[in-house]
Amino acid sequence: MYKAKIIVTLRKTILDPQGKAVEHSLHSLGYTQCSNTRIGKYIELDIDTDDEKKAAGIIEEAGQKLLSNPVMEDFTFTLEKTGEN
């Protein structure tokens, strides 16, 4: 079994108004060192297979079909083998 950790973010070329609002709030609180704030999604899920390539393929497909909007978002993921079955 594998644990997938997926991060979905807006593409760098897409304006992120939520990120800008958070950055403005950080600056208002005195955290002026913070910049280029982007907001995204974090997803964890278990994949019931012992084949790492199969697990990666499942995440690639799910990421493109459901977890992200391929027109506006990018996603990255890591796989961690777990002892569960």
Protein backbone atom coordinates (compact mmCIF):
# COMPACT_ATOMS: atom_id res chain seq x y z
CA MET A 1 0.00 0.00 0.00
CA TYR A 2 1.15 3.53 -0.73
CA LYS A 3 0.28 6.86 0.84
CA ALA A 4 0.00 9.59 -1.81
CA LYS A 5 0.57 13.22 -0.83
CA ILE A 6 -0.67 15.55 -3.56
CA ILE A 7 -0.24 19.31 -3.83
CA VAL A 8 -2.40 21.23 -6.32
CA THR A 9 -1.53 24.86 -7.09
CA LEU A 10 -2.57 27.45 -9.60
CA ARG A 11 -0.12 27.78 -12.47
CA LYS A 12 2.40 30.57 -12.00
CA THR A 13 0.82 32.50 -14.90
CA ILE A 14 -2.63 32.52 -13.22
CA LEU A 15 -3.47 35.37 -10.84
CA ASP A 16 -4.08 34.09 -7.30
CA PRO A 17 -6.40 36.61 -5.58
CA GLN A 18 -6.67 34.46 -2.46
CA GLY A 19 -2.89 34.34 -2.20
CA LYS A 20 -2.69 38.12 -2.65
CA ALA A 21 -5.28 38.65 0.12
CA VAL A 22 -3.31 36.41 2.50
CA GLU A 23 -0.06 38.19 1.60
CA HIS A 24 -1.68 41.58 2.25
CA SER A 25 -2.92 40.33 5.64
CA LEU A 26 0.54 39.01 6.51
CA HIS A 27 2.03 42.41 5.69
CA SER A 28 -0.67 44.11 7.80
CA LEU A 29 0.39 41.91 10.72
CA GLY A 30 4.00 42.98 10.29
CA TYR A 31 5.28 39.97 8.35
CA THR A 32 6.66 42.12 5.53
CA GLN A 33 9.35 39.57 4.69
CA CYS A 34 6.68 37.29 3.16
CA SER A 35 6.07 37.53 -0.58
CA ASN A 36 4.78 35.61 -3.62
CA THR A 37 2.05 33.97 -1.52
CA ARG A 38 0.12 31.25 -3.36
CA ILE A 39 -2.79 29.21 -2.05
CA GLY A 40 -3.36 25.60 -3.07
CA LYS A 41 -4.86 22.27 -2.03
CA TYR A 42 -3.25 19.40 -0.16
CA ILE A 43 -4.69 15.91 -0.56
CA GLU A 44 -3.65 12.63 1.08
CA LEU A 45 -4.97 9.24 0.08
CA ASP A 46 -4.06 5.57 0.33
CA ILE A 47 -3.62 3.40 -2.75
CA ASP A 48 -4.06 -0.33 -2.26
CA THR A 49 -1.29 -1.74 -4.45
CA ASP A 50 2.27 -2.97 -3.94
CA ASP A 51 3.35 -1.69 -7.37
CA GLU A 52 4.83 1.83 -7.16
CA LYS A 53 4.46 2.44 -10.92
CA LYS A 54 0.79 1.48 -10.76
CA ALA A 55 0.24 3.77 -7.76
CA ALA A 56 1.94 6.65 -9.62
CA GLY A 57 -0.21 5.98 -12.68
CA ILE A 58 -3.37 6.10 -10.60
CA ILE A 59 -2.37 9.45 -9.10
CA GLU A 60 -1.40 10.87 -12.51
CA GLU A 61 -4.82 9.92 -13.93
CA ALA A 62 -6.78 11.07 -10.87
CA GLY A 63 -4.82 14.32 -10.78
CA GLN A 64 -5.58 15.11 -14.40
CA LYS A 65 -9.22 13.94 -14.36
CA LEU A 66 -10.46 15.01 -10.93
CA LEU A 67 -8.03 16.48 -8.43
CA SER A 68 -6.86 19.43 -10.53
CA ASN A 69 -8.06 21.61 -13.37
CA PRO A 70 -5.34 21.01 -15.99
CA VAL A 71 -6.11 24.34 -17.69
CA MET A 72 -5.34 26.39 -14.57
CA GLU A 73 -3.58 24.15 -12.07
CA ASP A 74 -0.47 22.02 -11.71
CA PHE A 75 -0.04 19.17 -9.29
CA THR A 76 2.86 17.30 -7.77
CA PHE A 77 2.84 14.23 -5.58
CA THR A 78 4.98 11.93 -3.53
CA LEU A 79 4.39 8.28 -2.74
CA GLU A 80 5.33 6.65 0.53
CA LYS A 81 5.20 2.90 0.98
CA THR A 82 3.27 1.97 4.10
CA GLY A 83 3.19 -1.30 5.99
CA GLU A 84 -0.58 -1.63 5.70
CA ASN A 85 -2.33 -4.00 3.31
